[in-house]
Amino acid sequence: MDDVHIPEEHKKVLQLGPKFCLEPNLRPVDKVALARSVSRKVEEEDKSR
């Protein structure tokens, strides 16, 4: 990683400590859409769980 150039402003932000983000607020309709899109990707043998 010695070959990587990190801009000084980015170094200053990183030196401030751990970063975090808040969970996005999803509308109920978005939660249902997300659940359906995930359930479509589950393999058939795992759907009965």
PDB file of N, CA and C in Angstrom:
ATOM      1  N   MET A   1       0.817  -1.189   0.000  1.00  0.00           N
ATOM      2  CA  MET A   1       0.000   0.000   0.000  1.00  0.00           C
ATOM      3  C   MET A   1       0.862   1.255   0.000  1.00  0.00           C
ATOM      4  N   ASP A   2       2.144   1.098  -0.004  1.00  0.00           N
ATOM      5  CA  ASP A   2       3.008   2.271  -0.016  1.00  0.00           C
ATOM      6  C   ASP A   2       2.939   3.008  -1.341  1.00  0.00           C
ATOM      7  N   ASP A   3       2.543   2.310  -2.403  1.00  0.00           N
ATOM      8  CA  ASP A   3       2.499   2.929  -3.720  1.00  0.00           C
ATOM      9  C   ASP A   3       1.213   3.710  -3.961  1.00  0.00           C
ATOM     10  N   VAL A   4       0.268   3.641  -3.030  1.00  0.00           N
ATOM     11  CA  VAL A   4      -1.023   4.290  -3.203  1.00  0.00           C
ATOM     12  C   VAL A   4      -0.956   5.715  -2.684  1.00  0.00           C
ATOM     13  N   HIS A   5      -1.415   6.654  -3.506  1.00  0.00           N
ATOM     14  CA  HIS A   5      -1.447   8.055  -3.091  1.00  0.00           C
ATOM     15  C   HIS A   5      -2.839   8.394  -2.568  1.00  0.00           C
ATOM     16  N   ILE A   6      -2.889   8.814  -1.313  1.00  0.00           N
ATOM     17  CA  ILE A   6      -4.156   9.220  -0.705  1.00  0.00           C
ATOM     18  C   ILE A   6      -4.110  10.729  -0.512  1.00  0.00           C
ATOM     19  N   PRO A   7      -5.082  11.443  -1.054  1.00  0.00           N
ATOM     20  CA  PRO A   7      -5.102  12.897  -0.893  1.00  0.00           C
ATOM     21  C   PRO A   7      -5.104  13.297   0.588  1.00  0.00           C
ATOM     22  N   GLU A   8      -4.481  14.408   0.885  1.00  0.00           N
ATOM     23  CA  GLU A   8      -4.342  14.877   2.266  1.00  0.00           C
ATOM     24  C   GLU A   8      -5.693  15.070   2.951  1.00  0.00           C
ATOM     25  N   GLU A   9      -6.687  15.575   2.222  1.00  0.00           N
ATOM     26  CA  GLU A   9      -8.006  15.785   2.832  1.00  0.00           C
ATOM     27  C   GLU A   9      -8.648  14.464   3.245  1.00  0.00           C
ATOM     28  N   HIS A  10      -8.384  13.400   2.483  1.00  0.00           N
ATOM     29  CA  HIS A  10      -8.920  12.086   2.838  1.00  0.00           C
ATOM     30  C   HIS A  10      -8.210  11.541   4.075  1.00  0.00           C
ATOM     31  N   LYS A  11      -6.910  11.770   4.164  1.00  0.00           N
ATOM     32  CA  LYS A  11      -6.166  11.331   5.343  1.00  0.00           C
ATOM     33  C   LYS A  11      -6.697  12.004   6.598  1.00  0.00           C
ATOM     34  N   LYS A  12      -7.023  13.292   6.496  1.00  0.00           N
ATOM     35  CA  LYS A  12      -7.540  14.021   7.658  1.00  0.00           C
ATOM     36  C   LYS A  12      -8.864  13.429   8.128  1.00  0.00           C
ATOM     37  N   VAL A  13      -9.722  13.084   7.192  1.00  0.00           N
ATOM     38  CA  VAL A  13     -11.013  12.490   7.553  1.00  0.00           C
ATOM     39  C   VAL A  13     -10.797  11.132   8.207  1.00  0.00           C
ATOM     40  N   LEU A  14      -9.914  10.321   7.652  1.00  0.00           N
ATOM     41  CA  LEU A  14      -9.668   8.989   8.193  1.00  0.00           C
ATOM     42  C   LEU A  14      -9.042   9.042   9.580  1.00  0.00           C
ATOM     43  N   GLN A  15      -8.278  10.078   9.871  1.00  0.00           N
ATOM     44  CA  GLN A  15      -7.647  10.217  11.177  1.00  0.00           C
ATOM     45  C   GLN A  15      -8.639  10.598  12.269  1.00  0.00           C
ATOM     46  N   LEU A  16      -9.852  10.975  11.902  1.00  0.00           N
ATOM     47  CA  LEU A  16     -10.854  11.364  12.890  1.00  0.00           C
ATOM     48  C   LEU A  16     -11.453  10.171  13.625  1.00  0.00           C
ATOM     49  N   GLY A  17     -11.189   8.981  13.164  1.00  0.00           N
ATOM     50  CA  GLY A  17     -11.671   7.793  13.862  1.00  0.00           C
ATOM     51  C   GLY A  17     -12.639   6.979  13.033  1.00  0.00           C
ATOM     52  N   PRO A  18     -13.248   5.991  13.693  1.00  0.00           N
ATOM     53  CA  PRO A  18     -14.160   5.086  12.983  1.00  0.00           C
ATOM     54  C   PRO A  18     -15.327   5.828  12.338  1.00  0.00           C
ATOM     55  N   LYS A  19     -15.730   5.328  11.217  1.00  0.00           N
ATOM     56  CA  LYS A  19     -16.853   5.922  10.491  1.00  0.00           C
ATOM     57  C   LYS A  19     -18.042   4.973  10.564  1.00  0.00           C
ATOM     58  N   PHE A  20     -19.207   5.506  10.448  1.00  0.00           N
ATOM     59  CA  PHE A  20     -20.407   4.690  10.460  1.00  0.00           C
ATOM     60  C   PHE A  20     -21.470   5.370   9.625  1.00  0.00           C
ATOM     61  N   CYS A  21     -22.485   4.634   9.318  1.00  0.00           N
ATOM     62  CA  CYS A  21     -23.622   5.210   8.617  1.00  0.00           C
ATOM     63  C   CYS A  21     -24.893   4.638   9.233  1.00  0.00           C
ATOM     64  N   LEU A  22     -25.953   5.356   9.089  1.00  0.00           N
ATOM     65  CA  LEU A  22     -27.231   4.921   9.625  1.00  0.00           C
ATOM     66  C   LEU A  22     -27.949   4.062   8.600  1.00  0.00           C
ATOM     67  N   GLU A  23     -28.743   3.141   9.105  1.00  0.00           N
ATOM     68  CA  GLU A  23     -29.528   2.294   8.215  1.00  0.00           C
ATOM     69  C   GLU A  23     -30.530   3.163   7.469  1.00  0.00           C
ATOM     70  N   PRO A  24     -30.651   2.961   6.168  1.00  0.00           N
ATOM     71  CA  PRO A  24     -31.594   3.794   5.410  1.00  0.00           C
ATOM     72  C   PRO A  24     -33.033   3.543   5.854  1.00  0.00           C
ATOM     73  N   ASN A  25     -33.821   4.585   5.840  1.00  0.00           N
ATOM     74  CA  ASN A  25     -35.239   4.456   6.160  1.00  0.00           C
ATOM     75  C   ASN A  25     -35.980   4.037   4.897  1.00  0.00           C
ATOM     76  N   LEU A  26     -36.468   2.817   4.904  1.00  0.00           N
ATOM     77  CA  LEU A  26     -37.194   2.310   3.747  1.00  0.00           C
ATOM     78  C   LEU A  26     -38.690   2.416   3.995  1.00  0.00           C
ATOM     79  N   ARG A  27     -39.391   2.831   2.963  1.00  0.00           N
ATOM     80  CA  ARG A  27     -40.852   2.851   3.043  1.00  0.00           C
ATOM     81  C   ARG A  27     -41.338   1.407   3.049  1.00  0.00           C
ATOM     82  N   PRO A  28     -42.511   1.159   3.607  1.00  0.00           N
ATOM     83  CA  PRO A  28     -43.024  -0.223   3.637  1.00  0.00           C
ATOM     84  C   PRO A  28     -43.047  -0.891   2.264  1.00  0.00           C
ATOM     85  N   VAL A  29     -43.416  -0.148   1.243  1.00  0.00           N
ATOM     86  CA  VAL A  29     -43.463  -0.733  -0.099  1.00  0.00           C
ATOM     87  C   VAL A  29     -42.059  -1.122  -0.568  1.00  0.00           C
ATOM     88  N   ASP A  30     -41.050  -0.343  -0.195  1.00  0.00           N
ATOM     89  CA  ASP A  30     -39.675  -0.676  -0.568  1.00  0.00           C
ATOM     90  C   ASP A  30     -39.185  -1.911   0.189  1.00  0.00           C
ATOM     91  N   LYS A  31     -39.620  -2.055   1.448  1.00  0.00           N
ATOM     92  CA  LYS A  31     -39.240  -3.239   2.221  1.00  0.00           C
ATOM     93  C   LYS A  31     -39.810  -4.503   1.589  1.00  0.00           C
ATOM     94  N   VAL A  32     -41.053  -4.431   1.150  1.00  0.00           N
ATOM     95  CA  VAL A  32     -41.675  -5.589   0.497  1.00  0.00           C
ATOM     96  C   VAL A  32     -40.952  -5.902  -0.808  1.00  0.00           C
ATOM     97  N   ALA A  33     -40.643  -4.884  -1.582  1.00  0.00           N
ATOM     98  CA  ALA A  33     -39.939  -5.093  -2.851  1.00  0.00           C
ATOM     99  C   ALA A  33     -38.566  -5.710  -2.612  1.00  0.00           C
ATOM    100  N   LEU A  34     -37.875  -5.251  -1.589  1.00  0.00           N
ATOM    101  CA  LEU A  34     -36.558  -5.794  -1.266  1.00  0.00           C
ATOM    102  C   LEU A  34     -36.671  -7.255  -0.832  1.00  0.00           C
ATOM    103  N   ALA A  35     -37.646  -7.551   0.014  1.00  0.00           N
ATOM    104  CA  ALA A  35     -37.842  -8.931   0.464  1.00  0.00           C
ATOM    105  C   ALA A  35     -38.156  -9.849  -0.712  1.00  0.00           C
ATOM    106  N   ARG A  36     -38.975  -9.389  -1.623  1.00  0.00           N
ATOM    107  CA  ARG A  36     -39.323 -10.215  -2.791  1.00  0.00           C
ATOM    108  C   ARG A  36     -38.117 -10.438  -3.701  1.00  0.00           C
ATOM    109  N   SER A  37     -37.322  -9.401  -3.896  1.00  0.00           N
ATOM    110  CA  SER A  37     -36.159  -9.560  -4.776  1.00  0.00           C
ATOM    111  C   SER A  37     -35.142 -10.513  -4.159  1.00  0.00           C
ATOM    112  N   VAL A  38     -35.007 -10.491  -2.842  1.00  0.00           N
ATOM    113  CA  VAL A  38     -34.094 -11.420  -2.175  1.00  0.00           C
ATOM    114  C   VAL A  38     -34.647 -12.838  -2.241  1.00  0.00           C
ATOM    115  N   SER A  39     -35.953 -12.982  -2.015  1.00  0.00           N
ATOM    116  CA  SER A  39     -36.543 -14.325  -2.011  1.00  0.00           C
ATOM    117  C   SER A  39     -36.463 -14.983  -3.384  1.00  0.00           C
ATOM    118  N   ARG A  40     -36.449 -14.204  -4.442  1.00  0.00           N
ATOM    119  CA  ARG A  40     -36.324 -14.772  -5.794  1.00  0.00           C
ATOM    120  C   ARG A  40     -34.944 -15.381  -6.018  1.00  0.00           C
ATOM    121  N   LYS A  41     -33.955 -14.910  -5.271  1.00  0.00           N
ATOM    122  CA  LYS A  41     -32.585 -15.383  -5.463  1.00  0.00           C
ATOM    123  C   LYS A  41     -32.255 -16.608  -4.616  1.00  0.00           C
ATOM    124  N   VAL A  42     -33.134 -16.970  -3.688  1.00  0.00           N
ATOM    125  CA  VAL A  42     -32.901 -18.125  -2.826  1.00  0.00           C
ATOM    126  C   VAL A  42     -33.137 -19.401  -3.624  1.00  0.00           C
ATOM    127  N   GLU A  43     -32.246 -20.357  -3.427  1.00  0.00           N
ATOM    128  CA  GLU A  43     -32.394 -21.629  -4.132  1.00  0.00           C
ATOM    129  C   GLU A  43     -33.629 -22.361  -3.628  1.00  0.00           C
ATOM    130  N   GLU A  44     -34.234 -23.148  -4.497  1.00  0.00           N
ATOM    131  CA  GLU A  44     -35.499 -23.830  -4.193  1.00  0.00           C
ATOM    132  C   GLU A  44     -35.397 -24.703  -2.946  1.00  0.00           C
ATOM    133  N   GLU A  45     -34.276 -25.378  -2.764  1.00  0.00           N
ATOM    134  CA  GLU A  45     -34.123 -26.276  -1.610  1.00  0.00           C
ATOM    135  C   GLU A  45     -34.075 -25.516  -0.281  1.00  0.00           C
ATOM    136  N   ASP A  46     -33.723 -24.248  -0.308  1.00  0.00           N
ATOM    137  CA  ASP A  46     -33.652 -23.449   0.911  1.00  0.00           C
ATOM    138  C   ASP A  46     -34.932 -22.681   1.203  1.00  0.00           C
ATOM    139  N   LYS A  47     -35.874 -22.669   0.295  1.00  0.00           N
ATOM    140  CA  LYS A  47     -37.092 -21.875   0.475  1.00  0.00           C
ATOM    141  C   LYS A  47     -37.999 -22.416   1.570  1.00  0.00           C
ATOM    142  N   SER A  48     -37.913 -23.694   1.895  1.00  0.00           N
ATOM    143  CA  SER A  48     -38.806 -24.271   2.896  1.00  0.00           C
ATOM    144  C   SER A  48     -38.402 -23.902   4.318  1.00  0.00           C
ATOM    145  N   ARG A  49     -37.272 -23.286   4.508  1.00  0.00           N
ATOM    146  CA  ARG A  49     -36.797 -22.950   5.857  1.00  0.00           C
ATOM    147  C   ARG A  49     -37.599 -21.869   6.467  1.00  0.00           C
TER     148      ARG A  49
END
